[in-house]
């Protein structure tokens, strides 16, 4: 399964000591052409710790186009990673286009 832009995926993230991993959600930022032509994806971290962050985008159940969002969460536009697609555990949601644009705008604010 090739992930699509706006997909919310579950991936294993290693602890800082690299001794264990915990599964965490991420949002696919990279476009579909990139995802299909490489082994990697570019993602932003998602957390259920919704304390206010300067580059965070709050998402609720109404922001999800496919699947269910169990908790209000925060997409961290300042936590961007490139990951190998082989580590994807599963795809379980898809963000609405309008909400994805908010994430892109938060990234622009961060880098401009």
PDB file of N, CA and C in Angstrom:
ATOM      1  N   UNK A   1       0.829  -1.173   0.000  1.00  0.00           N
ATOM      2  CA  UNK A   1       0.000   0.000   0.000  1.00  0.00           C
ATOM      3  C   UNK A   1       0.883   1.250   0.000  1.00  0.00           C
ATOM      4  N   UNK A   2       0.746   2.057  -1.011  1.00  0.00           N
ATOM      5  CA  UNK A   2       1.475   3.316  -1.065  1.00  0.00           C
ATOM      6  C   UNK A   2       0.643   4.381  -0.365  1.00  0.00           C
ATOM      7  N   UNK A   3       1.212   5.040   0.637  1.00  0.00           N
ATOM      8  CA  UNK A   3       0.449   6.068   1.339  1.00  0.00           C
ATOM      9  C   UNK A   3       0.193   7.272   0.442  1.00  0.00           C
ATOM     10  N   UNK A   4      -0.879   7.972   0.720  1.00  0.00           N
ATOM     11  CA  UNK A   4      -1.279   9.163  -0.020  1.00  0.00           C
ATOM     12  C   UNK A   4      -1.113  10.395   0.867  1.00  0.00           C
ATOM     13  N   UNK A   5      -0.900  11.525   0.221  1.00  0.00           N
ATOM     14  CA  UNK A   5      -0.844  12.782   0.954  1.00  0.00           C
ATOM     15  C   UNK A   5      -2.141  12.943   1.741  1.00  0.00           C
ATOM     16  N   UNK A   6      -2.048  13.405   2.964  1.00  0.00           N
ATOM     17  CA  UNK A   6      -3.150  13.607   3.913  1.00  0.00           C
ATOM     18  C   UNK A   6      -3.534  12.353   4.682  1.00  0.00           C
ATOM     19  N   UNK A   7      -2.918  11.197   4.376  1.00  0.00           N
ATOM     20  CA  UNK A   7      -3.185   9.993   5.160  1.00  0.00           C
ATOM     21  C   UNK A   7      -2.630  10.161   6.568  1.00  0.00           C
ATOM     22  N   UNK A   8      -3.319   9.605   7.527  1.00  0.00           N
ATOM     23  CA  UNK A   8      -2.807   9.512   8.892  1.00  0.00           C
ATOM     24  C   UNK A   8      -2.435   8.056   9.098  1.00  0.00           C
ATOM     25  N   UNK A   9      -1.167   7.846   9.419  1.00  0.00           N
ATOM     26  CA  UNK A   9      -0.604   6.506   9.535  1.00  0.00           C
ATOM     27  C   UNK A   9      -0.165   6.233  10.961  1.00  0.00           C
ATOM     28  N   UNK A  10      -0.011   4.977  11.265  1.00  0.00           N
ATOM     29  CA  UNK A  10       0.570   4.554  12.530  1.00  0.00           C
ATOM     30  C   UNK A  10       1.950   4.004  12.230  1.00  0.00           C
ATOM     31  N   UNK A  11       2.964   4.517  12.925  1.00  0.00           N
ATOM     32  CA  UNK A  11       4.347   4.072  12.707  1.00  0.00           C
ATOM     33  C   UNK A  11       5.039   3.856  14.053  1.00  0.00           C
ATOM     34  N   UNK A  12       6.063   3.000  14.086  1.00  0.00           N
ATOM     35  CA  UNK A  12       6.844   2.834  15.316  1.00  0.00           C
ATOM     36  C   UNK A  12       7.893   3.944  15.429  1.00  0.00           C
ATOM     37  N   UNK A  13       7.939   4.587  16.577  1.00  0.00           N
ATOM     38  CA  UNK A  13       8.922   5.638  16.842  1.00  0.00           C
ATOM     39  C   UNK A  13       9.825   5.145  17.971  1.00  0.00           C
ATOM     40  N   UNK A  14      11.147   5.142  17.769  1.00  0.00           N
ATOM     41  CA  UNK A  14      12.039   4.677  18.829  1.00  0.00           C
ATOM     42  C   UNK A  14      12.168   5.696  19.958  1.00  0.00           C
ATOM     43  N   UNK A  15      12.330   5.182  21.169  1.00  0.00           N
ATOM     44  CA  UNK A  15      12.655   6.046  22.295  1.00  0.00           C
ATOM     45  C   UNK A  15      14.073   6.554  22.099  1.00  0.00           C
ATOM     46  N   UNK A  16      14.437   7.589  22.807  1.00  0.00           N
ATOM     47  CA  UNK A  16      15.761   8.188  22.609  1.00  0.00           C
ATOM     48  C   UNK A  16      16.904   7.230  22.928  1.00  0.00           C
ATOM     49  N   UNK A  17      16.676   6.255  23.794  1.00  0.00           N
ATOM     50  CA  UNK A  17      17.737   5.286  24.098  1.00  0.00           C
ATOM     51  C   UNK A  17      17.800   4.157  23.069  1.00  0.00           C
ATOM     52  N   UNK A  18      16.874   4.160  22.096  1.00  0.00           N
ATOM     53  CA  UNK A  18      16.800   3.178  21.007  1.00  0.00           C
ATOM     54  C   UNK A  18      16.576   1.746  21.489  1.00  0.00           C
ATOM     55  N   UNK A  19      16.158   1.573  22.733  1.00  0.00           N
ATOM     56  CA  UNK A  19      15.937   0.242  23.285  1.00  0.00           C
ATOM     57  C   UNK A  19      14.518  -0.270  23.064  1.00  0.00           C
ATOM     58  N   UNK A  20      13.595   0.647  22.785  1.00  0.00           N
ATOM     59  CA  UNK A  20      12.201   0.253  22.586  1.00  0.00           C
ATOM     60  C   UNK A  20      11.538   1.240  21.639  1.00  0.00           C
ATOM     61  N   UNK A  21      10.374   0.847  21.138  1.00  0.00           N
ATOM     62  CA  UNK A  21       9.610   1.727  20.251  1.00  0.00           C
ATOM     63  C   UNK A  21       8.167   1.829  20.740  1.00  0.00           C
ATOM     64  N   UNK A  22       7.521   2.905  20.342  1.00  0.00           N
ATOM     65  CA  UNK A  22       6.119   3.099  20.643  1.00  0.00           C
ATOM     66  C   UNK A  22       5.432   3.515  19.350  1.00  0.00           C
ATOM     67  N   UNK A  23       4.256   2.999  19.110  1.00  0.00           N
ATOM     68  CA  UNK A  23       3.522   3.351  17.897  1.00  0.00           C
ATOM     69  C   UNK A  23       2.880   4.718  18.051  1.00  0.00           C
ATOM     70  N   UNK A  24       3.068   5.557  17.025  1.00  0.00           N
ATOM     71  CA  UNK A  24       2.558   6.922  17.054  1.00  0.00           C
ATOM     72  C   UNK A  24       1.946   7.280  15.706  1.00  0.00           C
ATOM     73  N   UNK A  25       0.944   8.162  15.704  1.00  0.00           N
ATOM     74  CA  UNK A  25       0.352   8.607  14.436  1.00  0.00           C
ATOM     75  C   UNK A  25       1.185   9.720  13.800  1.00  0.00           C
ATOM     76  N   UNK A  26       1.153   9.767  12.472  1.00  0.00           N
ATOM     77  CA  UNK A  26       1.800  10.823  11.699  1.00  0.00           C
ATOM     78  C   UNK A  26       0.894  11.186  10.525  1.00  0.00           C
ATOM     79  N   UNK A  27       1.068  12.397  10.011  1.00  0.00           N
ATOM     80  CA  UNK A  27       0.351  12.871   8.829  1.00  0.00           C
ATOM     81  C   UNK A  27       1.309  12.865   7.649  1.00  0.00           C
ATOM     82  N   UNK A  28       0.897  12.270   6.528  1.00  0.00           N
ATOM     83  CA  UNK A  28       1.726  12.258   5.322  1.00  0.00           C
ATOM     84  C   UNK A  28       1.656  13.634   4.666  1.00  0.00           C
ATOM     85  N   UNK A  29       2.819  14.279   4.538  1.00  0.00           N
ATOM     86  CA  UNK A  29       2.935  15.586   3.900  1.00  0.00           C
ATOM     87  C   UNK A  29       3.340  15.478   2.435  1.00  0.00           C
ATOM     88  N   UNK A  30       4.192  14.512   2.123  1.00  0.00           N
ATOM     89  CA  UNK A  30       4.737  14.399   0.766  1.00  0.00           C
ATOM     90  C   UNK A  30       3.633  14.060  -0.227  1.00  0.00           C
ATOM     91  N   UNK A  31       3.806  14.570  -1.464  1.00  0.00           N
ATOM     92  CA  UNK A  31       2.762  14.356  -2.465  1.00  0.00           C
ATOM     93  C   UNK A  31       2.788  12.925  -3.001  1.00  0.00           C
ATOM     94  N   UNK A  32       1.719  12.560  -3.685  1.00  0.00           N
ATOM     95  CA  UNK A  32       1.552  11.180  -4.143  1.00  0.00           C
ATOM     96  C   UNK A  32       2.637  10.757  -5.129  1.00  0.00           C
ATOM     97  N   UNK A  33       3.094  11.670  -6.000  1.00  0.00           N
ATOM     98  CA  UNK A  33       4.166  11.329  -6.939  1.00  0.00           C
ATOM     99  C   UNK A  33       5.442  10.947  -6.199  1.00  0.00           C
ATOM    100  N   UNK A  34       5.796  11.718  -5.185  1.00  0.00           N
ATOM    101  CA  UNK A  34       6.981  11.411  -4.378  1.00  0.00           C
ATOM    102  C   UNK A  34       6.812  10.060  -3.687  1.00  0.00           C
ATOM    103  N   UNK A  35       5.653   9.853  -3.100  1.00  0.00           N
ATOM    104  CA  UNK A  35       5.407   8.617  -2.353  1.00  0.00           C
ATOM    105  C   UNK A  35       5.480   7.382  -3.254  1.00  0.00           C
ATOM    106  N   UNK A  36       5.040   7.526  -4.496  1.00  0.00           N
ATOM    107  CA  UNK A  36       5.060   6.401  -5.430  1.00  0.00           C
ATOM    108  C   UNK A  36       6.435   6.158  -6.048  1.00  0.00           C
ATOM    109  N   UNK A  37       7.267   7.196  -6.109  1.00  0.00           N
ATOM    110  CA  UNK A  37       8.552   7.063  -6.801  1.00  0.00           C
ATOM    111  C   UNK A  37       9.740   6.839  -5.874  1.00  0.00           C
ATOM    112  N   UNK A  38       9.525   6.887  -4.561  1.00  0.00           N
ATOM    113  CA  UNK A  38      10.614   6.645  -3.610  1.00  0.00           C
ATOM    114  C   UNK A  38      10.153   5.646  -2.552  1.00  0.00           C
ATOM    115  N   UNK A  39      11.086   5.202  -1.764  1.00  0.00           N
ATOM    116  CA  UNK A  39      10.763   4.307  -0.653  1.00  0.00           C
ATOM    117  C   UNK A  39      10.400   5.084   0.609  1.00  0.00           C
ATOM    118  N   UNK A  40      10.507   6.408   0.543  1.00  0.00           N
ATOM    119  CA  UNK A  40      10.304   7.248   1.714  1.00  0.00           C
ATOM    120  C   UNK A  40       8.988   8.014   1.649  1.00  0.00           C
ATOM    121  N   UNK A  41       8.617   8.573   2.799  1.00  0.00           N
ATOM    122  CA  UNK A  41       7.514   9.526   2.911  1.00  0.00           C
ATOM    123  C   UNK A  41       7.973  10.635   3.850  1.00  0.00           C
ATOM    124  N   UNK A  42       7.417  11.809   3.674  1.00  0.00           N
ATOM    125  CA  UNK A  42       7.680  12.929   4.568  1.00  0.00           C
ATOM    126  C   UNK A  42       6.420  13.119   5.407  1.00  0.00           C
ATOM    127  N   UNK A  43       6.599  13.160   6.724  1.00  0.00           N
ATOM    128  CA  UNK A  43       5.457  13.174   7.634  1.00  0.00           C
ATOM    129  C   UNK A  43       5.627  14.231   8.721  1.00  0.00           C
ATOM    130  N   UNK A  44       4.511  14.569   9.347  1.00  0.00           N
ATOM    131  CA  UNK A  44       4.506  15.428  10.538  1.00  0.00           C
ATOM    132  C   UNK A  44       3.945  14.621  11.701  1.00  0.00           C
ATOM    133  N   UNK A  45       4.515  14.821  12.860  1.00  0.00           N
ATOM    134  CA  UNK A  45       4.076  14.111  14.059  1.00  0.00           C
ATOM    135  C   UNK A  45       2.691  14.592  14.495  1.00  0.00           C
ATOM    136  N   UNK A  46       1.946  13.678  15.100  1.00  0.00           N
ATOM    137  CA  UNK A  46       0.645  13.988  15.680  1.00  0.00           C
ATOM    138  C   UNK A  46       0.666  13.546  17.133  1.00  0.00           C
ATOM    139  N   UNK A  47       0.135  14.389  18.001  1.00  0.00           N
ATOM    140  CA  UNK A  47       0.103  14.063  19.421  1.00  0.00           C
ATOM    141  C   UNK A  47      -1.287  14.317  19.997  1.00  0.00           C
ATOM    142  N   UNK A  48      -1.638  13.560  21.019  1.00  0.00           N
ATOM    143  CA  UNK A  48      -2.889  13.822  21.732  1.00  0.00           C
ATOM    144  C   UNK A  48      -2.651  14.777  22.899  1.00  0.00           C
ATOM    145  N   UNK A  49      -1.400  15.165  23.104  1.00  0.00           N
ATOM    146  CA  UNK A  49      -1.056  16.174  24.102  1.00  0.00           C
ATOM    147  C   UNK A  49      -1.318  17.533  23.459  1.00  0.00           C
ATOM    148  N   UNK A  50      -2.468  18.106  23.723  1.00  0.00           N
ATOM    149  CA  UNK A  50      -2.907  19.271  22.963  1.00  0.00           C
ATOM    150  C   UNK A  50      -2.595  20.604  23.636  1.00  0.00           C
ATOM    151  N   UNK A  51      -1.550  20.647  24.436  1.00  0.00           N
ATOM    152  CA  UNK A  51      -1.162  21.942  24.980  1.00  0.00           C
ATOM    153  C   UNK A  51      -0.767  22.847  23.806  1.00  0.00           C
ATOM    154  N   UNK A  52      -1.037  24.106  23.931  1.00  0.00           N
ATOM    155  CA  UNK A  52      -0.834  25.039  22.824  1.00  0.00           C
ATOM    156  C   UNK A  52       0.632  25.084  22.397  1.00  0.00           C
ATOM    157  N   UNK A  53       0.846  24.915  21.108  1.00  0.00           N
ATOM    158  CA  UNK A  53       2.178  24.998  20.503  1.00  0.00           C
ATOM    159  C   UNK A  53       2.117  26.023  19.384  1.00  0.00           C
ATOM    160  N   UNK A  54       3.193  26.763  19.199  1.00  0.00           N
ATOM    161  CA  UNK A  54       3.206  27.813  18.193  1.00  0.00           C
ATOM    162  C   UNK A  54       2.922  27.280  16.789  1.00  0.00           C
ATOM    163  N   UNK A  55       3.433  26.117  16.456  1.00  0.00           N
ATOM    164  CA  UNK A  55       3.271  25.567  15.112  1.00  0.00           C
ATOM    165  C   UNK A  55       2.409  24.313  15.118  1.00  0.00           C
ATOM    166  N   UNK A  56       1.460  24.265  16.019  1.00  0.00           N
ATOM    167  CA  UNK A  56       0.554  23.130  16.109  1.00  0.00           C
ATOM    168  C   UNK A  56      -0.775  23.438  15.442  1.00  0.00           C
ATOM    169  N   UNK A  57      -1.348  22.419  14.811  1.00  0.00           N
ATOM    170  CA  UNK A  57      -2.669  22.551  14.189  1.00  0.00           C
ATOM    171  C   UNK A  57      -3.596  21.562  14.884  1.00  0.00           C
ATOM    172  N   UNK A  58      -4.588  22.083  15.559  1.00  0.00           N
ATOM    173  CA  UNK A  58      -5.550  21.266  16.283  1.00  0.00           C
ATOM    174  C   UNK A  58      -6.471  20.556  15.303  1.00  0.00           C
ATOM    175  N   UNK A  59      -6.696  19.265  15.512  1.00  0.00           N
ATOM    176  CA  UNK A  59      -7.646  18.527  14.671  1.00  0.00           C
ATOM    177  C   UNK A  59      -8.651  17.816  15.569  1.00  0.00           C
ATOM    178  N   UNK A  60      -9.890  17.813  15.083  1.00  0.00           N
ATOM    179  CA  UNK A  60     -10.988  17.152  15.775  1.00  0.00           C
ATOM    180  C   UNK A  60     -11.649  16.180  14.817  1.00  0.00           C
ATOM    181  N   UNK A  61     -12.632  15.454  15.292  1.00  0.00           N
ATOM    182  CA  UNK A  61     -13.312  14.446  14.468  1.00  0.00           C
ATOM    183  C   UNK A  61     -13.834  15.034  13.162  1.00  0.00           C
ATOM    184  N   UNK A  62     -14.291  16.272  13.175  1.00  0.00           N
ATOM    185  CA  UNK A  62     -14.842  16.906  11.972  1.00  0.00           C
ATOM    186  C   UNK A  62     -13.776  17.221  10.922  1.00  0.00           C
ATOM    187  N   UNK A  63     -12.495  17.135  11.282  1.00  0.00           N
ATOM    188  CA  UNK A  63     -11.396  17.417  10.351  1.00  0.00           C
ATOM    189  C   UNK A  63     -10.955  16.185   9.570  1.00  0.00           C
ATOM    190  N   UNK A  64     -11.555  15.057   9.877  1.00  0.00           N
ATOM    191  CA  UNK A  64     -11.157  13.798   9.245  1.00  0.00           C
ATOM    192  C   UNK A  64     -12.160  13.427   8.163  1.00  0.00           C
ATOM    193  N   UNK A  65     -11.636  13.148   6.980  1.00  0.00           N
ATOM    194  CA  UNK A  65     -12.482  12.783   5.839  1.00  0.00           C
ATOM    195  C   UNK A  65     -12.838  11.308   5.860  1.00  0.00           C
ATOM    196  N   UNK A  66     -11.891  10.463   6.210  1.00  0.00           N
ATOM    197  CA  UNK A  66     -12.110   9.014   6.275  1.00  0.00           C
ATOM    198  C   UNK A  66     -11.639   8.521   7.633  1.00  0.00           C
ATOM    199  N   UNK A  67     -12.358   7.590   8.194  1.00  0.00           N
ATOM    200  CA  UNK A  67     -11.984   7.035   9.485  1.00  0.00           C
ATOM    201  C   UNK A  67     -12.492   7.905  10.625  1.00  0.00           C
ATOM    202  N   UNK A  68     -12.208   7.491  11.822  1.00  0.00           N
ATOM    203  CA  UNK A  68     -12.662   8.204  13.011  1.00  0.00           C
ATOM    204  C   UNK A  68     -11.471   8.708  13.807  1.00  0.00           C
ATOM    205  N   UNK A  69     -11.600   9.888  14.328  1.00  0.00           N
ATOM    206  CA  UNK A  69     -10.591  10.441  15.217  1.00  0.00           C
ATOM    207  C   UNK A  69     -11.127  10.310  16.633  1.00  0.00           C
ATOM    208  N   UNK A  70     -10.488   9.472  17.431  1.00  0.00           N
ATOM    209  CA  UNK A  70     -10.993   9.190  18.772  1.00  0.00           C
ATOM    210  C   UNK A  70     -10.790  10.354  19.733  1.00  0.00           C
ATOM    211  N   UNK A  71      -9.692  11.106  19.544  1.00  0.00           N
ATOM    212  CA  UNK A  71      -9.366  12.204  20.444  1.00  0.00           C
ATOM    213  C   UNK A  71      -8.989  13.443  19.652  1.00  0.00           C
ATOM    214  N   UNK A  72      -9.292  14.577  20.221  1.00  0.00           N
ATOM    215  CA  UNK A  72      -8.758  15.812  19.665  1.00  0.00           C
ATOM    216  C   UNK A  72      -7.237  15.694  19.736  1.00  0.00           C
ATOM    217  N   UNK A  73      -6.569  16.071  18.658  1.00  0.00           N
ATOM    218  CA  UNK A  73      -5.119  15.901  18.570  1.00  0.00           C
ATOM    219  C   UNK A  73      -4.475  17.156  18.000  1.00  0.00           C
ATOM    220  N   UNK A  74      -3.154  17.152  17.995  1.00  0.00           N
ATOM    221  CA  UNK A  74      -2.385  18.284  17.508  1.00  0.00           C
ATOM    222  C   UNK A  74      -1.373  17.791  16.483  1.00  0.00           C
ATOM    223  N   UNK A  75      -1.437  18.355  15.284  1.00  0.00           N
ATOM    224  CA  UNK A  75      -0.416  18.053  14.276  1.00  0.00           C
ATOM    225  C   UNK A  75       0.721  19.030  14.513  1.00  0.00           C
ATOM    226  N   UNK A  76       1.923  18.506  14.653  1.00  0.00           N
ATOM    227  CA  UNK A  76       3.099  19.316  14.952  1.00  0.00           C
ATOM    228  C   UNK A  76       3.817  19.681  13.651  1.00  0.00           C
ATOM    229  N   UNK A  77       3.543  20.864  13.135  1.00  0.00           N
ATOM    230  CA  UNK A  77       4.185  21.322  11.901  1.00  0.00           C
ATOM    231  C   UNK A  77       5.681  21.549  12.098  1.00  0.00           C
ATOM    232  N   UNK A  78       6.132  21.577  13.332  1.00  0.00           N
ATOM    233  CA  UNK A  78       7.561  21.746  13.627  1.00  0.00           C
ATOM    234  C   UNK A  78       8.262  20.413  13.913  1.00  0.00           C
ATOM    235  N   UNK A  79       7.567  19.309  13.731  1.00  0.00           N
ATOM    236  CA  UNK A  79       8.145  17.972  13.929  1.00  0.00           C
ATOM    237  C   UNK A  79       7.952  17.181  12.642  1.00  0.00           C
ATOM    238  N   UNK A  80       8.861  17.379  11.691  1.00  0.00           N
ATOM    239  CA  UNK A  80       8.768  16.775  10.366  1.00  0.00           C
ATOM    240  C   UNK A  80       9.884  15.748  10.205  1.00  0.00           C
ATOM    241  N   UNK A  81       9.518  14.585   9.646  1.00  0.00           N
ATOM    242  CA  UNK A  81      10.458  13.483   9.494  1.00  0.00           C
ATOM    243  C   UNK A  81      10.358  12.883   8.093  1.00  0.00           C
ATOM    244  N   UNK A  82      11.452  12.320   7.632  1.00  0.00           N
ATOM    245  CA  UNK A  82      11.445  11.482   6.436  1.00  0.00           C
ATOM    246  C   UNK A  82      11.617  10.051   6.912  1.00  0.00           C
ATOM    247  N   UNK A  83      10.685   9.187   6.535  1.00  0.00           N
ATOM    248  CA  UNK A  83      10.673   7.809   7.012  1.00  0.00           C
ATOM    249  C   UNK A  83      10.561   6.844   5.843  1.00  0.00           C
ATOM    250  N   UNK A  84      11.069   5.648   6.026  1.00  0.00           N
ATOM    251  CA  UNK A  84      10.914   4.602   5.031  1.00  0.00           C
ATOM    252  C   UNK A  84       9.505   4.038   5.112  1.00  0.00           C
ATOM    253  N   UNK A  85       8.892   3.840   3.966  1.00  0.00           N
ATOM    254  CA  UNK A  85       7.510   3.341   3.929  1.00  0.00           C
ATOM    255  C   UNK A  85       7.363   1.945   4.528  1.00  0.00           C
ATOM    256  N   UNK A  86       8.431   1.201   4.599  1.00  0.00           N
ATOM    257  CA  UNK A  86       8.349  -0.165   5.125  1.00  0.00           C
ATOM    258  C   UNK A  86       7.996  -0.216   6.609  1.00  0.00           C
ATOM    259  N   UNK A  87       8.160   0.891   7.316  1.00  0.00           N
ATOM    260  CA  UNK A  87       7.865   0.857   8.756  1.00  0.00           C
ATOM    261  C   UNK A  87       6.402   1.170   9.068  1.00  0.00           C
ATOM    262  N   UNK A  88       5.597   1.464   8.062  1.00  0.00           N
ATOM    263  CA  UNK A  88       4.187   1.772   8.288  1.00  0.00           C
ATOM    264  C   UNK A  88       3.481   0.555   8.876  1.00  0.00           C
ATOM    265  N   UNK A  89       2.816   0.762   9.994  1.00  0.00           N
ATOM    266  CA  UNK A  89       2.037  -0.297  10.629  1.00  0.00           C
ATOM    267  C   UNK A  89       0.664  -0.378   9.980  1.00  0.00           C
ATOM    268  N   UNK A  90       0.001   0.783   9.845  1.00  0.00           N
ATOM    269  CA  UNK A  90      -1.293   0.803   9.165  1.00  0.00           C
ATOM    270  C   UNK A  90      -1.692   2.230   8.831  1.00  0.00           C
ATOM    271  N   UNK A  91      -2.628   2.334   7.902  1.00  0.00           N
ATOM    272  CA  UNK A  91      -3.278   3.598   7.557  1.00  0.00           C
ATOM    273  C   UNK A  91      -4.645   3.546   8.214  1.00  0.00           C
ATOM    274  N   UNK A  92      -5.001   4.601   8.951  1.00  0.00           N
ATOM    275  CA  UNK A  92      -6.300   4.508   9.607  1.00  0.00           C
ATOM    276  C   UNK A  92      -7.169   5.750   9.516  1.00  0.00           C
ATOM    277  N   UNK A  93      -6.688   6.808   8.894  1.00  0.00           N
ATOM    278  CA  UNK A  93      -7.506   8.003   8.714  1.00  0.00           C
ATOM    279  C   UNK A  93      -7.001   8.789   7.512  1.00  0.00           C
ATOM    280  N   UNK A  94      -7.817   9.773   7.099  1.00  0.00           N
ATOM    281  CA  UNK A  94      -7.417  10.704   6.044  1.00  0.00           C
ATOM    282  C   UNK A  94      -7.952  12.076   6.427  1.00  0.00           C
ATOM    283  N   UNK A  95      -7.062  13.057   6.401  1.00  0.00           N
ATOM    284  CA  UNK A  95      -7.407  14.415   6.783  1.00  0.00           C
ATOM    285  C   UNK A  95      -8.129  15.132   5.646  1.00  0.00           C
ATOM    286  N   UNK A  96      -9.067  15.987   5.986  1.00  0.00           N
ATOM    287  CA  UNK A  96      -9.753  16.800   4.978  1.00  0.00           C
ATOM    288  C   UNK A  96      -8.764  17.784   4.341  1.00  0.00           C
ATOM    289  N   UNK A  97      -9.017  18.111   3.089  1.00  0.00           N
ATOM    290  CA  UNK A  97      -8.148  19.013   2.336  1.00  0.00           C
ATOM    291  C   UNK A  97      -8.006  20.372   3.028  1.00  0.00           C
ATOM    292  N   UNK A  98      -9.103  20.918   3.524  1.00  0.00           N
ATOM    293  CA  UNK A  98      -9.065  22.237   4.166  1.00  0.00           C
ATOM    294  C   UNK A  98      -8.151  22.226   5.396  1.00  0.00           C
ATOM    295  N   UNK A  99      -8.228  21.164   6.169  1.00  0.00           N
ATOM    296  CA  UNK A  99      -7.401  21.054   7.369  1.00  0.00           C
ATOM    297  C   UNK A  99      -5.938  20.849   6.986  1.00  0.00           C
ATOM    298  N   UNK A 100      -5.713  20.076   5.925  1.00  0.00           N
ATOM    299  CA  UNK A 100      -4.339  19.883   5.438  1.00  0.00           C
ATOM    300  C   UNK A 100      -3.724  21.232   5.048  1.00  0.00           C
ATOM    301  N   UNK A 101      -4.501  22.099   4.423  1.00  0.00           N
ATOM    302  CA  UNK A 101      -3.996  23.432   4.044  1.00  0.00           C
ATOM    303  C   UNK A 101      -3.557  24.215   5.282  1.00  0.00           C
ATOM    304  N   UNK A 102      -4.264  24.040   6.393  1.00  0.00           N
ATOM    305  CA  UNK A 102      -3.864  24.704   7.641  1.00  0.00           C
ATOM    306  C   UNK A 102      -2.490  24.214   8.100  1.00  0.00           C
ATOM    307  N   UNK A 103      -2.223  22.935   7.921  1.00  0.00           N
ATOM    308  CA  UNK A 103      -0.921  22.372   8.280  1.00  0.00           C
ATOM    309  C   UNK A 103       0.160  22.960   7.377  1.00  0.00           C
ATOM    310  N   UNK A 104      -0.108  23.004   6.074  1.00  0.00           N
ATOM    311  CA  UNK A 104       0.853  23.571   5.120  1.00  0.00           C
ATOM    312  C   UNK A 104       1.140  25.041   5.473  1.00  0.00           C
ATOM    313  N   UNK A 105       0.102  25.787   5.829  1.00  0.00           N
ATOM    314  CA  UNK A 105       0.293  27.189   6.215  1.00  0.00           C
ATOM    315  C   UNK A 105       1.136  27.308   7.487  1.00  0.00           C
ATOM    316  N   UNK A 106       0.957  26.396   8.426  1.00  0.00           N
ATOM    317  CA  UNK A 106       1.765  26.411   9.642  1.00  0.00           C
ATOM    318  C   UNK A 106       3.235  26.122   9.316  1.00  0.00           C
ATOM    319  N   UNK A 107       3.478  25.224   8.371  1.00  0.00           N
ATOM    320  CA  UNK A 107       4.853  24.931   7.948  1.00  0.00           C
ATOM    321  C   UNK A 107       5.454  26.159   7.265  1.00  0.00           C
ATOM    322  N   UNK A 108       4.679  26.817   6.412  1.00  0.00           N
ATOM    323  CA  UNK A 108       5.161  28.054   5.759  1.00  0.00           C
ATOM    324  C   UNK A 108       5.535  29.108   6.794  1.00  0.00           C
ATOM    325  N   UNK A 109       4.703  29.277   7.789  1.00  0.00           N
ATOM    326  CA  UNK A 109       4.988  30.235   8.848  1.00  0.00           C
ATOM    327  C   UNK A 109       6.290  29.889   9.554  1.00  0.00           C
ATOM    328  N   UNK A 110       6.525  28.628   9.738  1.00  0.00           N
ATOM    329  CA  UNK A 110       7.738  28.151  10.401  1.00  0.00           C
ATOM    330  C   UNK A 110       8.996  28.460   9.583  1.00  0.00           C
ATOM    331  N   UNK A 111       8.926  28.300   8.274  1.00  0.00           N
ATOM    332  CA  UNK A 111      10.149  28.391   7.450  1.00  0.00           C
ATOM    333  C   UNK A 111      10.322  29.745   6.741  1.00  0.00           C
ATOM    334  N   UNK A 112       9.291  30.566   6.723  1.00  0.00           N
ATOM    335  CA  UNK A 112       9.447  31.869   6.033  1.00  0.00           C
ATOM    336  C   UNK A 112       9.818  32.969   6.994  1.00  0.00           C
TER     337      UNK A 112
END
